[in-house]
Amino acid sequence: MAARAIWKGELKMGATRVPVNLYSAVADKTVHFHILEERTKTRVKQHMIDPDTGKEVPSDEIQKGYEVEPGTFVILTSEELESLEPEPHREIEISHFVPKTHIDPQFYERPYYLGPDGDSGSYFALAEALNNQEKEGVARWVMRNKEYNGALRAEGDHLLLVTLRPAEEIVSAEDLPAPGGRALDKKELNMAKQLVELLEGEFEPSEFKDEYRERVMDFIEKKAKRKAPKLRLVRAKRATSSIDNALSKSIQKLKKEKAAA
């Protein structure tokens, strides 16, 4: 099935403009359930309920408020929120280019493919230039009443635009508790190094599957045919008490697996 563009725009780099179509680069495969009434099996609707009276609140009586301190809200009307929305346009403005490894992976959020919209020559020339120079562009654009920051990079012969999280959403490792406890001895460090070397391999995207989703869908399919398997109880694994012992067991197990292979 051919991909369908979800938005159109123009890459703007100084005086250069490249028309593009935007496509989603990921697809949600999460299992979604309907909420049903137990007896009639009809879908249940959600309503806004006043917790004090238990009565439904009509939509025209609902307001949005931001809590500035416990129990104190600043009320914002739909008109006020609309006036604060960014001005719509179709430009994906590239302010500058940085080395491909310059942006911390913590910033990356959602990827989109960009495809050519007419001027394919300029499009593929840009993709090749980014590949050859190992650069990515810092981008800014407005889509569906929301401002985005992003990174423009080449993915093979095509362009990939990845939204970036705002800096205030990034948690720095410096904010984590400092390492504590006893210092690691030389034996533990050598064993950890050996463990990493034994597990060295290639990244295989096909190995990454949502196994829970597959089990749920398989169970649903079998249950629909009245062939649901017997459920098993999942028990939590007990943690080992010694780092040295845990590393040693892992190394011995991996060595046996490699020898058998």
C-alpha atoms as a PDB file:
ATOM      1  CA  MET A   1       0.000   0.000   0.000  1.00  0.00           C
ATOM      2  CA  ALA A   2       1.453   3.377  -1.054  1.00  0.00           C
ATOM      3  CA  ALA A   3       2.226   5.884   1.694  1.00  0.00           C
ATOM      4  CA  ARG A   4      -0.162   8.831   1.917  1.00  0.00           C
ATOM      5  CA  ALA A   5       1.097  12.359   2.544  1.00  0.00           C
ATOM      6  CA  ILE A   6      -0.318  13.952   5.698  1.00  0.00           C
ATOM      7  CA  TRP A   7       1.007  17.493   5.098  1.00  0.00           C
ATOM      8  CA  LYS A   8       2.614  19.635   2.393  1.00  0.00           C
ATOM      9  CA  GLY A   9       5.266  22.287   2.803  1.00  0.00           C
ATOM     10  CA  GLU A  10       8.521  23.800   1.579  1.00  0.00           C
ATOM     11  CA  LEU A  11      12.044  23.342   2.863  1.00  0.00           C
ATOM     12  CA  LYS A  12      13.501  26.830   3.137  1.00  0.00           C
ATOM     13  CA  MET A  13      17.303  27.209   3.243  1.00  0.00           C
ATOM     14  CA  GLY A  14      18.195  30.838   2.686  1.00  0.00           C
ATOM     15  CA  ALA A  15      16.838  31.728  -0.764  1.00  0.00           C
ATOM     16  CA  THR A  16      16.428  28.065  -1.747  1.00  0.00           C
ATOM     17  CA  ARG A  17      13.023  26.421  -1.512  1.00  0.00           C
ATOM     18  CA  VAL A  18      12.299  22.724  -2.039  1.00  0.00           C
ATOM     19  CA  PRO A  19       8.613  21.640  -2.112  1.00  0.00           C
ATOM     20  CA  VAL A  20       8.025  18.485  -0.048  1.00  0.00           C
ATOM     21  CA  ASN A  21       5.312  16.115   1.127  1.00  0.00           C
ATOM     22  CA  LEU A  22       5.406  14.877   4.707  1.00  0.00           C
ATOM     23  CA  TYR A  23       4.690  11.220   5.571  1.00  0.00           C
ATOM     24  CA  SER A  24       4.567   9.488   8.931  1.00  0.00           C
ATOM     25  CA  ALA A  25       7.634   7.273   9.397  1.00  0.00           C
ATOM     26  CA  VAL A  26       6.094   5.186  12.177  1.00  0.00           C
ATOM     27  CA  ALA A  27       2.729   3.455  12.582  1.00  0.00           C
ATOM     28  CA  ASP A  28       0.953   2.830  15.893  1.00  0.00           C
ATOM     29  CA  LYS A  29       0.393  -0.908  16.327  1.00  0.00           C
ATOM     30  CA  THR A  30      -0.777  -0.775  19.938  1.00  0.00           C
ATOM     31  CA  VAL A  31      -3.757  -3.024  20.743  1.00  0.00           C
ATOM     32  CA  HIS A  32      -6.749  -0.737  21.325  1.00  0.00           C
ATOM     33  CA  PHE A  33      -9.790  -2.043  23.187  1.00  0.00           C
ATOM     34  CA  HIS A  34     -13.357  -0.732  23.182  1.00  0.00           C
ATOM     35  CA  ILE A  35     -14.979  -0.152  26.577  1.00  0.00           C
ATOM     36  CA  LEU A  36     -18.226  -2.138  26.719  1.00  0.00           C
ATOM     37  CA  GLU A  37     -21.145  -2.460  29.114  1.00  0.00           C
ATOM     38  CA  GLU A  38     -20.911  -5.935  30.645  1.00  0.00           C
ATOM     39  CA  ARG A  39     -24.500  -7.069  30.059  1.00  0.00           C
ATOM     40  CA  THR A  40     -25.436  -5.505  26.687  1.00  0.00           C
ATOM     41  CA  LYS A  41     -21.907  -5.412  25.175  1.00  0.00           C
ATOM     42  CA  THR A  42     -22.601  -1.917  23.820  1.00  0.00           C
ATOM     43  CA  ARG A  43     -19.898   0.750  23.792  1.00  0.00           C
ATOM     44  CA  VAL A  44     -19.754   2.976  26.860  1.00  0.00           C
ATOM     45  CA  LYS A  45     -19.360   6.745  26.377  1.00  0.00           C
ATOM     46  CA  GLN A  46     -17.234   8.965  28.581  1.00  0.00           C
ATOM     47  CA  HIS A  47     -18.784  12.039  30.183  1.00  0.00           C
ATOM     48  CA  MET A  48     -17.505  14.906  32.328  1.00  0.00           C
ATOM     49  CA  ILE A  49     -18.960  14.456  35.830  1.00  0.00           C
ATOM     50  CA  ASP A  50     -19.124  16.918  38.709  1.00  0.00           C
ATOM     51  CA  PRO A  51     -17.451  14.994  41.580  1.00  0.00           C
ATOM     52  CA  ASP A  52     -19.592  16.760  44.201  1.00  0.00           C
ATOM     53  CA  THR A  53     -23.034  16.213  42.625  1.00  0.00           C
ATOM     54  CA  GLY A  54     -22.340  13.190  40.423  1.00  0.00           C
ATOM     55  CA  LYS A  55     -24.179  14.968  37.565  1.00  0.00           C
ATOM     56  CA  GLU A  56     -22.922  15.293  33.991  1.00  0.00           C
ATOM     57  CA  VAL A  57     -21.497  18.711  33.062  1.00  0.00           C
ATOM     58  CA  PRO A  58     -22.618  19.927  29.588  1.00  0.00           C
ATOM     59  CA  SER A  59     -19.804  20.727  27.159  1.00  0.00           C
ATOM     60  CA  ASP A  60     -20.820  24.410  26.947  1.00  0.00           C
ATOM     61  CA  GLU A  61     -20.269  24.736  30.712  1.00  0.00           C
ATOM     62  CA  ILE A  62     -16.727  23.319  30.664  1.00  0.00           C
ATOM     63  CA  GLN A  63     -13.754  25.684  30.924  1.00  0.00           C
ATOM     64  CA  LYS A  64     -10.001  25.181  30.759  1.00  0.00           C
ATOM     65  CA  GLY A  65      -7.989  26.318  33.735  1.00  0.00           C
ATOM     66  CA  TYR A  66      -4.316  26.251  34.717  1.00  0.00           C
ATOM     67  CA  GLU A  67      -3.604  25.676  38.406  1.00  0.00           C
ATOM     68  CA  VAL A  68      -1.090  28.315  39.562  1.00  0.00           C
ATOM     69  CA  GLU A  69      -1.314  27.201  43.203  1.00  0.00           C
ATOM     70  CA  PRO A  70      -3.464  24.625  45.001  1.00  0.00           C
ATOM     71  CA  GLY A  71      -7.128  25.537  44.384  1.00  0.00           C
ATOM     72  CA  THR A  72      -6.338  28.663  42.331  1.00  0.00           C
ATOM     73  CA  PHE A  73      -6.851  28.501  38.566  1.00  0.00           C
ATOM     74  CA  VAL A  74      -6.284  30.909  35.706  1.00  0.00           C
ATOM     75  CA  ILE A  75      -9.250  30.422  33.334  1.00  0.00           C
ATOM     76  CA  LEU A  76      -8.527  30.540  29.590  1.00  0.00           C
ATOM     77  CA  THR A  77     -11.271  30.866  26.985  1.00  0.00           C
ATOM     78  CA  SER A  78     -11.205  29.188  23.573  1.00  0.00           C
ATOM     79  CA  GLU A  79     -10.782  32.604  21.955  1.00  0.00           C
ATOM     80  CA  GLU A  80      -7.795  33.450  24.167  1.00  0.00           C
ATOM     81  CA  LEU A  81      -6.109  30.129  23.401  1.00  0.00           C
ATOM     82  CA  GLU A  82      -6.763  30.608  19.657  1.00  0.00           C
ATOM     83  CA  SER A  83      -5.132  34.033  19.744  1.00  0.00           C
ATOM     84  CA  LEU A  84      -1.981  32.464  21.216  1.00  0.00           C
ATOM     85  CA  GLU A  85      -1.616  29.855  18.470  1.00  0.00           C
ATOM     86  CA  PRO A  86       1.318  30.306  16.066  1.00  0.00           C
ATOM     87  CA  GLU A  87       0.653  31.889  12.682  1.00  0.00           C
ATOM     88  CA  PRO A  88       0.093  29.083  10.143  1.00  0.00           C
ATOM     89  CA  HIS A  89       2.503  28.712   7.199  1.00  0.00           C
ATOM     90  CA  ARG A  90       4.016  25.991   5.031  1.00  0.00           C
ATOM     91  CA  GLU A  91       7.731  26.684   5.516  1.00  0.00           C
ATOM     92  CA  ILE A  92      10.134  24.253   7.154  1.00  0.00           C
ATOM     93  CA  GLU A  93      12.946  26.697   7.817  1.00  0.00           C
ATOM     94  CA  ILE A  94      16.466  25.291   8.129  1.00  0.00           C
ATOM     95  CA  SER A  95      18.490  27.746  10.227  1.00  0.00           C
ATOM     96  CA  HIS A  96      21.848  25.919  10.064  1.00  0.00           C
ATOM     97  CA  PHE A  97      23.538  22.522   9.682  1.00  0.00           C
ATOM     98  CA  VAL A  98      25.442  20.620  12.371  1.00  0.00           C
ATOM     99  CA  PRO A  99      27.505  17.378  12.439  1.00  0.00           C
ATOM    100  CA  LYS A 100      25.308  14.271  12.466  1.00  0.00           C
ATOM    101  CA  THR A 101      26.394  13.308  15.999  1.00  0.00           C
ATOM    102  CA  HIS A 102      25.965  16.822  17.419  1.00  0.00           C
ATOM    103  CA  ILE A 103      22.343  16.470  18.603  1.00  0.00           C
ATOM    104  CA  ASP A 104      21.903  14.323  21.730  1.00  0.00           C
ATOM    105  CA  PRO A 105      19.568  11.321  21.067  1.00  0.00           C
ATOM    106  CA  GLN A 106      17.484  12.378  24.091  1.00  0.00           C
ATOM    107  CA  PHE A 107      16.088  15.220  21.976  1.00  0.00           C
ATOM    108  CA  TYR A 108      14.756  13.005  19.173  1.00  0.00           C
ATOM    109  CA  GLU A 109      11.003  12.373  19.323  1.00  0.00           C
ATOM    110  CA  ARG A 110       8.891  11.434  16.272  1.00  0.00           C
ATOM    111  CA  PRO A 111      10.213  10.806  12.742  1.00  0.00           C
ATOM    112  CA  TYR A 112       8.579  11.821   9.453  1.00  0.00           C
ATOM    113  CA  TYR A 113       9.684  11.125   5.907  1.00  0.00           C
ATOM    114  CA  LEU A 114       9.868  14.027   3.483  1.00  0.00           C
ATOM    115  CA  GLY A 115       9.216  13.201  -0.164  1.00  0.00           C
ATOM    116  CA  PRO A 116       9.671  15.428  -3.242  1.00  0.00           C
ATOM    117  CA  ASP A 117       6.648  17.387  -4.398  1.00  0.00           C
ATOM    118  CA  GLY A 118       7.546  18.236  -7.990  1.00  0.00           C
ATOM    119  CA  ASP A 119      11.165  19.420  -7.856  1.00  0.00           C
ATOM    120  CA  SER A 120      12.834  16.022  -7.348  1.00  0.00           C
ATOM    121  CA  GLY A 121      16.253  17.223  -8.574  1.00  0.00           C
ATOM    122  CA  SER A 122      16.787  19.690  -5.718  1.00  0.00           C
ATOM    123  CA  TYR A 123      15.320  17.206  -3.246  1.00  0.00           C
ATOM    124  CA  PHE A 124      17.662  14.291  -4.065  1.00  0.00           C
ATOM    125  CA  ALA A 125      20.659  16.633  -4.389  1.00  0.00           C
ATOM    126  CA  LEU A 126      20.046  17.814  -0.812  1.00  0.00           C
ATOM    127  CA  ALA A 127      19.701  14.223   0.454  1.00  0.00           C
ATOM    128  CA  GLU A 128      22.990  13.265  -1.200  1.00  0.00           C
ATOM    129  CA  ALA A 129      24.766  16.336   0.181  1.00  0.00           C
ATOM    130  CA  LEU A 130      23.629  15.534   3.739  1.00  0.00           C
ATOM    131  CA  ASN A 131      24.774  11.930   3.312  1.00  0.00           C
ATOM    132  CA  ASN A 132      28.187  12.863   1.914  1.00  0.00           C
ATOM    133  CA  GLN A 133      28.886  15.555   4.486  1.00  0.00           C
ATOM    134  CA  GLU A 134      27.306  13.656   7.416  1.00  0.00           C
ATOM    135  CA  LYS A 135      25.322  16.718   8.448  1.00  0.00           C
ATOM    136  CA  GLU A 136      21.780  17.362   9.663  1.00  0.00           C
ATOM    137  CA  GLY A 137      19.803  20.563   9.550  1.00  0.00           C
ATOM    138  CA  VAL A 138      18.197  22.316  12.517  1.00  0.00           C
ATOM    139  CA  ALA A 139      14.599  22.970  11.461  1.00  0.00           C
ATOM    140  CA  ARG A 140      11.591  24.935  12.677  1.00  0.00           C
ATOM    141  CA  TRP A 141       8.041  24.841  11.320  1.00  0.00           C
ATOM    142  CA  VAL A 142       4.344  25.135  12.171  1.00  0.00           C
ATOM    143  CA  MET A 143       1.966  22.243  11.541  1.00  0.00           C
ATOM    144  CA  ARG A 144      -1.658  21.968  12.636  1.00  0.00           C
ATOM    145  CA  ASN A 145      -1.496  24.973  14.975  1.00  0.00           C
ATOM    146  CA  LYS A 146       1.640  23.784  16.751  1.00  0.00           C
ATOM    147  CA  GLU A 147       5.259  24.926  16.517  1.00  0.00           C
ATOM    148  CA  TYR A 148       7.917  22.263  16.038  1.00  0.00           C
ATOM    149  CA  ASN A 149      11.688  22.113  16.224  1.00  0.00           C
ATOM    150  CA  GLY A 150      13.354  19.290  14.353  1.00  0.00           C
ATOM    151  CA  ALA A 151      16.381  17.724  12.733  1.00  0.00           C
ATOM    152  CA  LEU A 152      16.539  17.202   8.958  1.00  0.00           C
ATOM    153  CA  ARG A 153      18.728  14.275   7.977  1.00  0.00           C
ATOM    154  CA  ALA A 154      19.225  11.883   5.074  1.00  0.00           C
ATOM    155  CA  GLU A 155      17.906   8.328   5.293  1.00  0.00           C
ATOM    156  CA  GLY A 156      19.304   6.538   2.265  1.00  0.00           C
ATOM    157  CA  ASP A 157      18.165   8.514  -0.779  1.00  0.00           C
ATOM    158  CA  HIS A 158      15.366  10.274   1.112  1.00  0.00           C
ATOM    159  CA  LEU A 159      15.030  12.969   3.743  1.00  0.00           C
ATOM    160  CA  LEU A 160      13.912  12.313   7.307  1.00  0.00           C
ATOM    161  CA  LEU A 161      12.529  15.058   9.549  1.00  0.00           C
ATOM    162  CA  VAL A 162      12.573  14.209  13.273  1.00  0.00           C
ATOM    163  CA  THR A 163      10.774  16.379  15.802  1.00  0.00           C
ATOM    164  CA  LEU A 164      12.927  17.462  18.734  1.00  0.00           C
ATOM    165  CA  ARG A 165      11.786  17.765  22.331  1.00  0.00           C
ATOM    166  CA  PRO A 166      12.055  21.210  23.988  1.00  0.00           C
ATOM    167  CA  ALA A 167      15.177  21.631  26.120  1.00  0.00           C
ATOM    168  CA  GLU A 168      13.072  21.964  29.287  1.00  0.00           C
ATOM    169  CA  GLU A 169      11.803  18.383  28.820  1.00  0.00           C
ATOM    170  CA  ILE A 170      15.297  16.866  28.804  1.00  0.00           C
ATOM    171  CA  VAL A 171      16.515  15.347  32.077  1.00  0.00           C
ATOM    172  CA  SER A 172      20.281  15.634  32.422  1.00  0.00           C
ATOM    173  CA  ALA A 173      22.343  12.762  33.830  1.00  0.00           C
ATOM    174  CA  GLU A 174      23.754  15.362  36.219  1.00  0.00           C
ATOM    175  CA  ASP A 175      20.310  15.486  37.893  1.00  0.00           C
ATOM    176  CA  LEU A 176      20.527  11.793  38.830  1.00  0.00           C
ATOM    177  CA  PRO A 177      21.793  10.657  42.240  1.00  0.00           C
ATOM    178  CA  ALA A 178      25.580  10.395  42.314  1.00  0.00           C
ATOM    179  CA  PRO A 179      27.006   6.843  42.301  1.00  0.00           C
ATOM    180  CA  GLY A 180      27.373   5.537  45.829  1.00  0.00           C
ATOM    181  CA  GLY A 181      28.480   2.449  47.697  1.00  0.00           C
ATOM    182  CA  ARG A 182      31.857   0.736  47.564  1.00  0.00           C
ATOM    183  CA  ALA A 183      34.243   1.147  44.659  1.00  0.00           C
ATOM    184  CA  LEU A 184      34.228  -1.621  42.052  1.00  0.00           C
ATOM    185  CA  ASP A 185      37.263  -3.881  42.183  1.00  0.00           C
ATOM    186  CA  LYS A 186      39.460  -4.809  39.203  1.00  0.00           C
ATOM    187  CA  LYS A 187      37.928  -8.285  38.890  1.00  0.00           C
ATOM    188  CA  GLU A 188      34.378  -6.912  38.538  1.00  0.00           C
ATOM    189  CA  LEU A 189      35.491  -4.353  35.943  1.00  0.00           C
ATOM    190  CA  ASN A 190      37.296  -7.034  33.907  1.00  0.00           C
ATOM    191  CA  MET A 191      34.253  -9.336  34.079  1.00  0.00           C
ATOM    192  CA  ALA A 192      31.951  -6.516  32.938  1.00  0.00           C
ATOM    193  CA  LYS A 193      34.299  -5.834  30.005  1.00  0.00           C
ATOM    194  CA  GLN A 194      34.335  -9.540  29.130  1.00  0.00           C
ATOM    195  CA  LEU A 195      30.527  -9.660  29.250  1.00  0.00           C
ATOM    196  CA  VAL A 196      30.267  -6.723  26.814  1.00  0.00           C
ATOM    197  CA  GLU A 197      32.745  -8.390  24.439  1.00  0.00           C
ATOM    198  CA  LEU A 198      30.837 -11.703  24.515  1.00  0.00           C
ATOM    199  CA  LEU A 199      27.595  -9.911  23.642  1.00  0.00           C
ATOM    200  CA  GLU A 200      29.099  -7.927  20.764  1.00  0.00           C
ATOM    201  CA  GLY A 201      27.001  -8.141  17.590  1.00  0.00           C
ATOM    202  CA  GLU A 202      25.081  -6.267  14.902  1.00  0.00           C
ATOM    203  CA  PHE A 203      21.901  -4.223  15.293  1.00  0.00           C
ATOM    204  CA  GLU A 204      19.067  -6.184  13.659  1.00  0.00           C
ATOM    205  CA  PRO A 205      15.820  -4.135  13.535  1.00  0.00           C
ATOM    206  CA  SER A 206      13.785  -7.236  12.612  1.00  0.00           C
ATOM    207  CA  GLU A 207      14.526  -8.688  16.062  1.00  0.00           C
ATOM    208  CA  PHE A 208      12.609  -5.919  17.812  1.00  0.00           C
ATOM    209  CA  LYS A 209       8.975  -6.950  18.023  1.00  0.00           C
ATOM    210  CA  ASP A 210       6.121  -6.181  20.374  1.00  0.00           C
ATOM    211  CA  GLU A 211       5.842  -9.715  21.727  1.00  0.00           C
ATOM    212  CA  TYR A 212       3.072  -8.749  24.156  1.00  0.00           C
ATOM    213  CA  ARG A 213       0.968  -7.421  21.268  1.00  0.00           C
ATOM    214  CA  GLU A 214       1.591 -10.618  19.283  1.00  0.00           C
ATOM    215  CA  ARG A 215       0.502 -12.765  22.252  1.00  0.00           C
ATOM    216  CA  VAL A 216      -2.619 -10.628  22.784  1.00  0.00           C
ATOM    217  CA  MET A 217      -3.625 -10.747  19.098  1.00  0.00           C
ATOM    218  CA  ASP A 218      -2.959 -14.505  18.916  1.00  0.00           C
ATOM    219  CA  PHE A 219      -5.079 -15.029  22.046  1.00  0.00           C
ATOM    220  CA  ILE A 220      -7.895 -12.852  20.628  1.00  0.00           C
ATOM    221  CA  GLU A 221      -7.852 -14.770  17.349  1.00  0.00           C
ATOM    222  CA  LYS A 222      -7.997 -18.130  19.130  1.00  0.00           C
ATOM    223  CA  LYS A 223     -10.660 -16.948  21.553  1.00  0.00           C
ATOM    224  CA  ALA A 224     -12.767 -15.699  18.619  1.00  0.00           C
ATOM    225  CA  LYS A 225     -12.594 -19.284  17.295  1.00  0.00           C
ATOM    226  CA  ARG A 226     -13.263 -20.638  20.810  1.00  0.00           C
ATOM    227  CA  LYS A 227      -9.764 -22.127  20.989  1.00  0.00           C
ATOM    228  CA  ALA A 228      -8.199 -19.885  23.649  1.00  0.00           C
ATOM    229  CA  PRO A 229      -5.177 -21.557  25.313  1.00  0.00           C
ATOM    230  CA  LYS A 230      -4.923 -21.986  29.057  1.00  0.00           C
ATOM    231  CA  LEU A 231      -3.438 -18.936  30.767  1.00  0.00           C
ATOM    232  CA  ARG A 232      -0.230 -19.270  32.759  1.00  0.00           C
ATOM    233  CA  LEU A 233       0.704 -17.325  35.871  1.00  0.00           C
ATOM    234  CA  VAL A 234       3.674 -14.979  35.402  1.00  0.00           C
ATOM    235  CA  ARG A 235       6.060 -15.031  38.362  1.00  0.00           C
ATOM    236  CA  ALA A 236       8.649 -12.350  39.082  1.00  0.00           C
ATOM    237  CA  LYS A 237      12.278 -13.458  38.904  1.00  0.00           C
ATOM    238  CA  ARG A 238      14.365 -13.156  42.060  1.00  0.00           C
ATOM    239  CA  ALA A 239      17.320 -10.780  41.857  1.00  0.00           C
ATOM    240  CA  THR A 240      20.816 -12.105  42.543  1.00  0.00           C
ATOM    241  CA  SER A 241      22.518 -10.591  45.573  1.00  0.00           C
ATOM    242  CA  SER A 242      26.125 -10.372  44.287  1.00  0.00           C
ATOM    243  CA  ILE A 243      27.385  -8.371  41.293  1.00  0.00           C
ATOM    244  CA  ASP A 244      30.391 -10.700  41.059  1.00  0.00           C
ATOM    245  CA  ASN A 245      28.172 -13.801  41.112  1.00  0.00           C
ATOM    246  CA  ALA A 246      25.708 -12.366  38.571  1.00  0.00           C
ATOM    247  CA  LEU A 247      28.475 -11.402  36.129  1.00  0.00           C
ATOM    248  CA  SER A 248      30.163 -14.794  36.500  1.00  0.00           C
ATOM    249  CA  LYS A 249      26.934 -16.699  35.811  1.00  0.00           C
ATOM    250  CA  SER A 250      26.173 -14.533  32.747  1.00  0.00           C
ATOM    251  CA  ILE A 251      29.663 -15.064  31.315  1.00  0.00           C
ATOM    252  CA  GLN A 252      29.574 -18.850  31.844  1.00  0.00           C
ATOM    253  CA  LYS A 253      26.131 -19.086  30.227  1.00  0.00           C
ATOM    254  CA  LEU A 254      27.212 -17.044  27.189  1.00  0.00           C
ATOM    255  CA  LYS A 255      30.380 -19.101  26.762  1.00  0.00           C
ATOM    256  CA  LYS A 256      28.345 -22.331  26.752  1.00  0.00           C
ATOM    257  CA  GLU A 257      25.867 -20.898  24.217  1.00  0.00           C
ATOM    258  CA  LYS A 258      28.711 -19.792  21.902  1.00  0.00           C
ATOM    259  CA  ALA A 259      30.448 -23.163  22.217  1.00  0.00           C
ATOM    260  CA  ALA A 260      27.188 -24.986  21.376  1.00  0.00           C
ATOM    261  CA  ALA A 261      26.625 -22.720  18.345  1.00  0.00           C
END
